[in-house]
Amino acid sequence: MLRPLLTALILAAAPAAAQNTTFGGMRADISAPVEVAADNLSVNQADGSAVFTGNVVIGQGEMRLSADRVTVVYAQGGQSRIRSLDAQGNVTLVSGADAAEAKAATYDVETGNVTLTGDVVLTQGGNVLTGDTMQVNLASGTAQVQGRVRSVLQPGRN
């Protein structure tokens, strides 16, 4: 689904610029439970982390994040509350009809902010936006792309 802000993007490259856009057909419910599925799990009681590897898929409400490896960092006081998720390798973030790919991502579960880094590609329908990093706020559905931002817009779409 194309967003009005996205239509304001320019077609040429914008070196070292930042571009605001929207992300996701609907806002993600950041208070919903976080579900993790993977082929393997390794838990480190000493540092309060868990590492999921192999076909990792994380779901929270309508949001899905997949990666090769995800480290779960728990808040102080044990494994009852997740502080952040650090994803590495073949990262894909999907919300509604929008999808973003990157080399890595960090999801701050408490704030609902996801930062994708490394060759970020955002697709919204036939439109594509690329950059070095993208910060997504799942609560508001907004995103900002930074670093050699490029966009390709399909004419005649709403």
N, C-alpha and C. Protein backbone atom coordinates (compact mmCIF):
# COMPACT_ATOMS: atom_id res chain seq x y z
N MET A 1 0.85 -1.17 0.00
CA MET A 1 0.00 0.00 0.00
C MET A 1 0.90 1.23 0.00
N LEU A 2 0.70 2.09 -0.95
CA LEU A 2 1.52 3.29 -1.08
C LEU A 2 1.04 4.35 -0.12
N ARG A 3 1.94 4.99 0.55
CA ARG A 3 1.62 6.04 1.51
C ARG A 3 1.84 7.40 0.87
N PRO A 4 1.07 8.43 1.28
CA PRO A 4 1.22 9.77 0.72
C PRO A 4 2.62 10.34 0.88
N LEU A 5 3.26 10.09 2.02
CA LEU A 5 4.61 10.62 2.20
C LEU A 5 5.59 10.02 1.19
N LEU A 6 5.40 8.75 0.84
CA LEU A 6 6.30 8.10 -0.09
C LEU A 6 6.23 8.73 -1.47
N THR A 7 5.07 9.23 -1.86
CA THR A 7 4.94 9.84 -3.18
C THR A 7 5.75 11.12 -3.30
N ALA A 8 6.16 11.69 -2.16
CA ALA A 8 6.96 12.91 -2.19
C ALA A 8 8.43 12.64 -2.43
N LEU A 9 8.83 11.38 -2.46
CA LEU A 9 10.25 11.06 -2.66
C LEU A 9 10.70 11.44 -4.05
N ILE A 10 11.97 11.73 -4.16
CA ILE A 10 12.53 12.02 -5.48
C ILE A 10 13.06 10.75 -6.11
N LEU A 11 13.17 10.70 -7.42
CA LEU A 11 13.61 9.50 -8.11
C LEU A 11 15.13 9.38 -8.13
N ALA A 12 15.84 10.46 -8.01
CA ALA A 12 17.30 10.41 -8.06
C ALA A 12 17.88 10.10 -6.68
N ALA A 13 19.14 9.73 -6.66
CA ALA A 13 19.83 9.45 -5.41
C ALA A 13 19.97 10.73 -4.60
N ALA A 14 19.93 10.56 -3.29
CA ALA A 14 20.09 11.70 -2.39
C ALA A 14 21.23 11.37 -1.43
N PRO A 15 22.44 11.80 -1.72
CA PRO A 15 23.58 11.41 -0.91
C PRO A 15 23.47 11.89 0.53
N ALA A 16 23.76 10.97 1.44
CA ALA A 16 23.82 11.26 2.88
C ALA A 16 22.60 12.01 3.39
N ALA A 17 21.45 11.71 2.82
CA ALA A 17 20.22 12.38 3.22
C ALA A 17 19.37 11.42 4.03
N ALA A 18 18.39 11.95 4.70
CA ALA A 18 17.43 11.14 5.42
C ALA A 18 16.07 11.32 4.78
N GLN A 19 15.27 10.26 4.75
CA GLN A 19 13.96 10.33 4.13
C GLN A 19 12.95 9.72 5.09
N ASN A 20 11.89 10.46 5.38
CA ASN A 20 10.81 9.95 6.22
C ASN A 20 9.78 9.26 5.34
N THR A 21 9.20 8.18 5.85
CA THR A 21 8.18 7.45 5.14
C THR A 21 7.30 6.75 6.17
N THR A 22 6.31 6.04 5.72
CA THR A 22 5.48 5.25 6.63
C THR A 22 5.82 3.79 6.43
N PHE A 23 5.49 2.96 7.41
CA PHE A 23 5.82 1.54 7.33
C PHE A 23 4.68 0.73 7.91
N GLY A 24 4.19 -0.20 7.14
CA GLY A 24 3.19 -1.15 7.63
C GLY A 24 1.77 -0.72 7.34
N GLY A 25 0.98 -1.68 6.90
CA GLY A 25 -0.42 -1.41 6.62
C GLY A 25 -1.19 -1.04 7.87
N MET A 26 -0.70 -1.50 9.00
CA MET A 26 -1.29 -1.13 10.28
C MET A 26 -0.17 -1.05 11.30
N ARG A 27 -0.41 -0.35 12.36
CA ARG A 27 0.59 -0.25 13.41
C ARG A 27 0.69 -1.57 14.15
N ALA A 28 1.89 -1.92 14.55
CA ALA A 28 2.09 -3.15 15.32
C ALA A 28 1.73 -2.91 16.77
N ASP A 29 1.18 -3.91 17.40
CA ASP A 29 0.84 -3.84 18.81
C ASP A 29 2.08 -4.21 19.62
N ILE A 30 2.82 -3.20 20.09
CA ILE A 30 4.08 -3.48 20.78
C ILE A 30 3.87 -4.03 22.19
N SER A 31 2.62 -4.09 22.64
CA SER A 31 2.34 -4.71 23.94
C SER A 31 1.96 -6.18 23.79
N ALA A 32 1.82 -6.66 22.55
CA ALA A 32 1.47 -8.05 22.31
C ALA A 32 2.65 -8.96 22.67
N PRO A 33 2.38 -10.21 22.98
CA PRO A 33 3.48 -11.15 23.29
C PRO A 33 4.41 -11.31 22.09
N VAL A 34 5.70 -11.52 22.38
CA VAL A 34 6.70 -11.77 21.35
C VAL A 34 6.87 -13.28 21.23
N GLU A 35 6.62 -13.81 20.04
CA GLU A 35 6.76 -15.25 19.79
C GLU A 35 8.01 -15.48 18.96
N VAL A 36 8.83 -16.47 19.35
CA VAL A 36 10.05 -16.79 18.63
C VAL A 36 10.04 -18.27 18.27
N ALA A 37 10.34 -18.56 17.00
CA ALA A 37 10.48 -19.95 16.54
C ALA A 37 11.83 -20.05 15.83
N ALA A 38 12.56 -21.15 16.06
CA ALA A 38 13.87 -21.35 15.44
C ALA A 38 14.22 -22.83 15.48
N ASP A 39 15.28 -23.18 14.74
CA ASP A 39 15.77 -24.56 14.74
C ASP A 39 16.53 -24.89 16.02
N ASN A 40 17.24 -23.88 16.58
CA ASN A 40 18.09 -24.12 17.75
C ASN A 40 18.00 -22.98 18.74
N LEU A 41 18.27 -23.30 20.02
CA LEU A 41 18.29 -22.31 21.08
C LEU A 41 19.45 -22.61 22.02
N SER A 42 20.21 -21.54 22.35
CA SER A 42 21.28 -21.62 23.33
C SER A 42 21.05 -20.53 24.35
N VAL A 43 21.01 -20.91 25.65
CA VAL A 43 20.73 -19.96 26.72
C VAL A 43 21.99 -19.75 27.54
N ASN A 44 22.30 -18.46 27.85
CA ASN A 44 23.44 -18.12 28.69
C ASN A 44 22.90 -17.45 29.95
N GLN A 45 22.88 -18.19 31.04
CA GLN A 45 22.38 -17.66 32.30
C GLN A 45 23.27 -16.55 32.85
N ALA A 46 24.57 -16.61 32.55
CA ALA A 46 25.53 -15.64 33.09
C ALA A 46 25.25 -14.22 32.61
N ASP A 47 24.96 -14.07 31.33
CA ASP A 47 24.72 -12.71 30.81
C ASP A 47 23.25 -12.43 30.53
N GLY A 48 22.38 -13.38 30.79
CA GLY A 48 20.94 -13.16 30.63
C GLY A 48 20.51 -13.06 29.19
N SER A 49 21.11 -13.88 28.32
CA SER A 49 20.73 -13.82 26.91
C SER A 49 20.37 -15.21 26.40
N ALA A 50 19.69 -15.23 25.28
CA ALA A 50 19.36 -16.46 24.59
C ALA A 50 19.64 -16.23 23.11
N VAL A 51 20.21 -17.23 22.45
CA VAL A 51 20.54 -17.11 21.03
C VAL A 51 19.75 -18.16 20.25
N PHE A 52 18.92 -17.67 19.33
CA PHE A 52 18.16 -18.54 18.45
C PHE A 52 18.87 -18.57 17.09
N THR A 53 19.02 -19.75 16.52
CA THR A 53 19.67 -19.86 15.21
C THR A 53 18.87 -20.79 14.31
N GLY A 54 19.02 -20.56 13.01
CA GLY A 54 18.38 -21.40 12.01
C GLY A 54 16.91 -21.08 11.81
N ASN A 55 16.60 -20.45 10.69
CA ASN A 55 15.21 -20.16 10.33
C ASN A 55 14.45 -19.46 11.46
N VAL A 56 15.02 -18.41 12.01
CA VAL A 56 14.41 -17.71 13.13
C VAL A 56 13.27 -16.82 12.61
N VAL A 57 12.11 -16.96 13.24
CA VAL A 57 10.96 -16.12 12.90
C VAL A 57 10.40 -15.58 14.22
N ILE A 58 10.29 -14.25 14.27
CA ILE A 58 9.76 -13.57 15.44
C ILE A 58 8.45 -12.91 15.04
N GLY A 59 7.44 -13.08 15.85
CA GLY A 59 6.15 -12.45 15.58
C GLY A 59 5.68 -11.66 16.77
N GLN A 60 5.10 -10.51 16.50
CA GLN A 60 4.45 -9.71 17.54
C GLN A 60 3.29 -9.01 16.87
N GLY A 61 2.09 -9.43 17.20
CA GLY A 61 0.92 -8.89 16.51
C GLY A 61 1.03 -9.18 15.02
N GLU A 62 0.89 -8.15 14.19
CA GLU A 62 0.97 -8.31 12.73
C GLU A 62 2.40 -8.25 12.19
N MET A 63 3.38 -7.91 13.04
CA MET A 63 4.76 -7.77 12.60
C MET A 63 5.46 -9.12 12.61
N ARG A 64 6.29 -9.35 11.56
CA ARG A 64 7.12 -10.55 11.48
C ARG A 64 8.54 -10.14 11.17
N LEU A 65 9.50 -10.70 11.90
CA LEU A 65 10.91 -10.47 11.64
C LEU A 65 11.58 -11.82 11.51
N SER A 66 12.34 -12.02 10.45
CA SER A 66 13.05 -13.29 10.29
C SER A 66 14.53 -12.99 10.07
N ALA A 67 15.38 -13.96 10.47
CA ALA A 67 16.82 -13.80 10.35
C ALA A 67 17.49 -15.16 10.53
N ASP A 68 18.80 -15.20 10.24
CA ASP A 68 19.58 -16.41 10.45
C ASP A 68 19.84 -16.64 11.93
N ARG A 69 20.05 -15.54 12.67
CA ARG A 69 20.43 -15.63 14.08
C ARG A 69 19.82 -14.44 14.83
N VAL A 70 19.25 -14.70 16.00
CA VAL A 70 18.69 -13.63 16.82
C VAL A 70 19.11 -13.85 18.27
N THR A 71 19.70 -12.80 18.86
CA THR A 71 20.06 -12.81 20.26
C THR A 71 18.99 -12.04 21.03
N VAL A 72 18.42 -12.69 22.03
CA VAL A 72 17.41 -12.06 22.88
C VAL A 72 18.11 -11.59 24.15
N VAL A 73 18.00 -10.29 24.43
CA VAL A 73 18.58 -9.72 25.65
C VAL A 73 17.43 -9.41 26.60
N TYR A 74 17.51 -9.97 27.79
CA TYR A 74 16.45 -9.79 28.76
C TYR A 74 16.75 -8.59 29.66
N ALA A 75 15.69 -7.98 30.17
CA ALA A 75 15.83 -6.86 31.11
C ALA A 75 16.41 -7.37 32.42
N GLN A 76 16.93 -6.46 33.22
CA GLN A 76 17.48 -6.83 34.52
C GLN A 76 16.45 -7.58 35.33
N GLY A 77 16.91 -8.60 36.03
CA GLY A 77 16.01 -9.32 36.91
C GLY A 77 15.47 -10.61 36.33
N GLY A 78 16.00 -11.06 35.21
CA GLY A 78 15.60 -12.37 34.72
C GLY A 78 14.95 -12.37 33.36
N GLN A 79 14.42 -13.54 33.01
CA GLN A 79 13.91 -13.77 31.68
C GLN A 79 12.41 -13.56 31.56
N SER A 80 11.86 -12.71 32.38
CA SER A 80 10.43 -12.47 32.32
C SER A 80 10.09 -11.33 31.35
N ARG A 81 11.08 -10.47 31.03
CA ARG A 81 10.81 -9.34 30.15
C ARG A 81 11.94 -9.16 29.16
N ILE A 82 11.61 -9.14 27.88
CA ILE A 82 12.60 -8.97 26.83
C ILE A 82 12.91 -7.49 26.67
N ARG A 83 14.21 -7.16 26.66
CA ARG A 83 14.65 -5.78 26.44
C ARG A 83 14.85 -5.52 24.95
N SER A 84 15.60 -6.42 24.28
CA SER A 84 15.85 -6.21 22.85
C SER A 84 16.11 -7.52 22.14
N LEU A 85 15.98 -7.45 20.82
CA LEU A 85 16.28 -8.57 19.94
C LEU A 85 17.30 -8.07 18.92
N ASP A 86 18.43 -8.77 18.81
CA ASP A 86 19.46 -8.40 17.85
C ASP A 86 19.52 -9.48 16.77
N ALA A 87 19.13 -9.12 15.54
CA ALA A 87 19.06 -10.07 14.44
C ALA A 87 20.25 -9.89 13.50
N GLN A 88 20.79 -11.00 13.02
CA GLN A 88 21.93 -10.98 12.12
C GLN A 88 21.67 -11.92 10.94
N GLY A 89 22.01 -11.47 9.75
CA GLY A 89 21.97 -12.32 8.57
C GLY A 89 20.60 -12.47 7.95
N ASN A 90 20.47 -12.03 6.70
CA ASN A 90 19.23 -12.20 5.93
C ASN A 90 18.00 -11.73 6.70
N VAL A 91 18.06 -10.53 7.24
CA VAL A 91 16.98 -9.99 8.06
C VAL A 91 15.85 -9.49 7.15
N THR A 92 14.63 -9.88 7.48
CA THR A 92 13.44 -9.40 6.79
C THR A 92 12.43 -8.97 7.84
N LEU A 93 11.89 -7.75 7.68
CA LEU A 93 10.86 -7.22 8.57
C LEU A 93 9.62 -6.97 7.73
N VAL A 94 8.50 -7.57 8.13
CA VAL A 94 7.25 -7.42 7.37
C VAL A 94 6.17 -6.89 8.30
N SER A 95 5.46 -5.86 7.84
CA SER A 95 4.32 -5.32 8.57
C SER A 95 3.30 -4.90 7.53
N GLY A 96 2.13 -5.50 7.59
CA GLY A 96 1.12 -5.21 6.56
C GLY A 96 1.65 -5.61 5.20
N ALA A 97 1.49 -4.73 4.21
CA ALA A 97 1.95 -5.01 2.86
C ALA A 97 3.38 -4.54 2.62
N ASP A 98 4.03 -3.96 3.62
CA ASP A 98 5.38 -3.44 3.48
C ASP A 98 6.39 -4.47 3.96
N ALA A 99 7.57 -4.48 3.32
CA ALA A 99 8.63 -5.39 3.71
C ALA A 99 9.96 -4.67 3.59
N ALA A 100 10.86 -4.96 4.54
CA ALA A 100 12.21 -4.39 4.51
C ALA A 100 13.21 -5.51 4.70
N GLU A 101 14.34 -5.40 3.99
CA GLU A 101 15.42 -6.36 4.12
C GLU A 101 16.69 -5.62 4.51
N ALA A 102 17.55 -6.29 5.28
CA ALA A 102 18.82 -5.70 5.71
C ALA A 102 19.76 -6.81 6.15
N LYS A 103 21.00 -6.43 6.43
CA LYS A 103 21.97 -7.39 6.93
C LYS A 103 21.79 -7.66 8.42
N ALA A 104 21.33 -6.63 9.16
CA ALA A 104 21.17 -6.77 10.61
C ALA A 104 20.04 -5.86 11.08
N ALA A 105 19.54 -6.15 12.29
CA ALA A 105 18.49 -5.31 12.88
C ALA A 105 18.52 -5.45 14.39
N THR A 106 18.14 -4.37 15.06
CA THR A 106 17.96 -4.39 16.51
C THR A 106 16.55 -3.90 16.80
N TYR A 107 15.82 -4.68 17.57
CA TYR A 107 14.45 -4.33 17.94
C TYR A 107 14.42 -4.05 19.43
N ASP A 108 14.18 -2.79 19.79
CA ASP A 108 14.00 -2.39 21.19
C ASP A 108 12.53 -2.64 21.51
N VAL A 109 12.27 -3.72 22.19
CA VAL A 109 10.90 -4.18 22.43
C VAL A 109 10.11 -3.18 23.26
N GLU A 110 10.75 -2.55 24.24
CA GLU A 110 10.04 -1.62 25.12
C GLU A 110 9.53 -0.38 24.39
N THR A 111 10.31 0.14 23.44
CA THR A 111 9.91 1.35 22.72
C THR A 111 9.23 1.06 21.39
N GLY A 112 9.38 -0.16 20.86
CA GLY A 112 8.82 -0.49 19.56
C GLY A 112 9.65 0.02 18.41
N ASN A 113 10.92 0.38 18.65
CA ASN A 113 11.79 0.88 17.59
C ASN A 113 12.66 -0.25 17.03
N VAL A 114 12.69 -0.33 15.70
CA VAL A 114 13.54 -1.30 15.01
C VAL A 114 14.53 -0.51 14.17
N THR A 115 15.82 -0.82 14.30
CA THR A 115 16.85 -0.20 13.47
C THR A 115 17.44 -1.28 12.57
N LEU A 116 17.27 -1.11 11.26
CA LEU A 116 17.84 -2.03 10.28
C LEU A 116 19.09 -1.40 9.72
N THR A 117 20.14 -2.20 9.54
CA THR A 117 21.41 -1.69 9.02
C THR A 117 21.97 -2.59 7.94
N GLY A 118 22.69 -1.98 7.03
CA GLY A 118 23.38 -2.73 5.99
C GLY A 118 22.52 -3.02 4.78
N ASP A 119 22.68 -2.23 3.73
CA ASP A 119 21.97 -2.46 2.46
C ASP A 119 20.47 -2.64 2.66
N VAL A 120 19.84 -1.68 3.27
CA VAL A 120 18.41 -1.73 3.56
C VAL A 120 17.60 -1.52 2.28
N VAL A 121 16.61 -2.37 2.07
CA VAL A 121 15.70 -2.26 0.94
C VAL A 121 14.28 -2.33 1.48
N LEU A 122 13.50 -1.27 1.26
CA LEU A 122 12.10 -1.21 1.66
C LEU A 122 11.25 -1.30 0.41
N THR A 123 10.28 -2.22 0.39
CA THR A 123 9.35 -2.32 -0.73
C THR A 123 7.95 -2.05 -0.21
N GLN A 124 7.24 -1.23 -0.98
CA GLN A 124 5.85 -0.90 -0.70
C GLN A 124 5.12 -1.01 -2.03
N GLY A 125 4.48 -2.16 -2.24
CA GLY A 125 3.88 -2.40 -3.55
C GLY A 125 4.98 -2.47 -4.59
N GLY A 126 4.87 -1.71 -5.68
CA GLY A 126 5.89 -1.66 -6.71
C GLY A 126 6.97 -0.63 -6.45
N ASN A 127 6.87 0.10 -5.37
CA ASN A 127 7.83 1.14 -5.04
C ASN A 127 8.95 0.58 -4.17
N VAL A 128 10.17 1.10 -4.39
CA VAL A 128 11.34 0.61 -3.67
C VAL A 128 12.10 1.80 -3.12
N LEU A 129 12.58 1.67 -1.88
CA LEU A 129 13.37 2.70 -1.23
C LEU A 129 14.58 2.00 -0.61
N THR A 130 15.79 2.50 -0.88
CA THR A 130 16.99 1.88 -0.32
C THR A 130 17.80 2.91 0.45
N GLY A 131 18.63 2.41 1.36
CA GLY A 131 19.51 3.28 2.14
C GLY A 131 20.43 2.44 3.00
N ASP A 132 21.26 3.11 3.78
CA ASP A 132 22.21 2.41 4.64
C ASP A 132 21.56 1.93 5.93
N THR A 133 20.68 2.76 6.51
CA THR A 133 19.97 2.39 7.74
C THR A 133 18.52 2.82 7.66
N MET A 134 17.67 2.12 8.38
CA MET A 134 16.27 2.50 8.46
C MET A 134 15.83 2.31 9.90
N GLN A 135 15.19 3.33 10.44
CA GLN A 135 14.63 3.26 11.79
C GLN A 135 13.11 3.25 11.67
N VAL A 136 12.50 2.22 12.24
CA VAL A 136 11.05 2.05 12.17
C VAL A 136 10.49 2.13 13.58
N ASN A 137 9.43 2.92 13.75
CA ASN A 137 8.69 2.94 15.00
C ASN A 137 7.41 2.14 14.76
N LEU A 138 7.34 0.94 15.32
CA LEU A 138 6.20 0.07 15.08
C LEU A 138 4.92 0.58 15.71
N ALA A 139 5.03 1.37 16.77
CA ALA A 139 3.84 1.91 17.42
C ALA A 139 3.14 2.94 16.54
N SER A 140 3.92 3.78 15.85
CA SER A 140 3.34 4.83 15.01
C SER A 140 3.28 4.45 13.53
N GLY A 141 4.05 3.43 13.13
CA GLY A 141 4.08 3.04 11.73
C GLY A 141 4.94 3.95 10.88
N THR A 142 5.82 4.74 11.48
CA THR A 142 6.68 5.65 10.73
C THR A 142 8.08 5.07 10.58
N ALA A 143 8.78 5.54 9.55
CA ALA A 143 10.15 5.08 9.31
C ALA A 143 10.98 6.22 8.78
N GLN A 144 12.28 6.13 9.02
CA GLN A 144 13.23 7.09 8.48
C GLN A 144 14.40 6.31 7.90
N VAL A 145 14.75 6.63 6.66
CA VAL A 145 15.85 5.98 5.96
C VAL A 145 16.98 6.98 5.82
N GLN A 146 18.21 6.52 6.08
CA GLN A 146 19.37 7.41 6.03
C GLN A 146 20.51 6.78 5.24
N GLY A 147 21.36 7.63 4.69
CA GLY A 147 22.58 7.19 4.04
C GLY A 147 22.38 6.74 2.61
N ARG A 148 22.76 7.56 1.68
CA ARG A 148 22.65 7.28 0.24
C ARG A 148 21.28 6.72 -0.11
N VAL A 149 20.26 7.52 0.17
CA VAL A 149 18.88 7.12 -0.05
C VAL A 149 18.55 7.18 -1.53
N ARG A 150 17.92 6.12 -2.01
CA ARG A 150 17.46 6.07 -3.40
C ARG A 150 16.04 5.54 -3.40
N SER A 151 15.24 6.02 -4.35
CA SER A 151 13.88 5.51 -4.45
C SER A 151 13.49 5.32 -5.90
N VAL A 152 12.63 4.35 -6.12
CA VAL A 152 12.02 4.11 -7.42
C VAL A 152 10.53 4.05 -7.19
N LEU A 153 9.81 4.99 -7.83
CA LEU A 153 8.36 5.08 -7.66
C LEU A 153 7.67 4.68 -8.94
N GLN A 154 6.59 3.97 -8.80
CA GLN A 154 5.79 3.57 -9.96
C GLN A 154 4.71 4.62 -10.17
N PRO A 155 4.67 5.24 -11.36
CA PRO A 155 3.66 6.28 -11.61
C PRO A 155 2.25 5.69 -11.70
N GLY A 156 1.27 6.54 -11.38
CA GLY A 156 -0.12 6.16 -11.56
C GLY A 156 -0.68 5.27 -10.47
N ARG A 157 0.03 5.14 -9.36
CA ARG A 157 -0.51 4.33 -8.26
C ARG A 157 -0.91 5.22 -7.13
N ASN A 158 -1.95 4.82 -6.38
CA ASN A 158 -2.43 5.58 -5.23
C ASN A 158 -1.75 5.12 -3.98
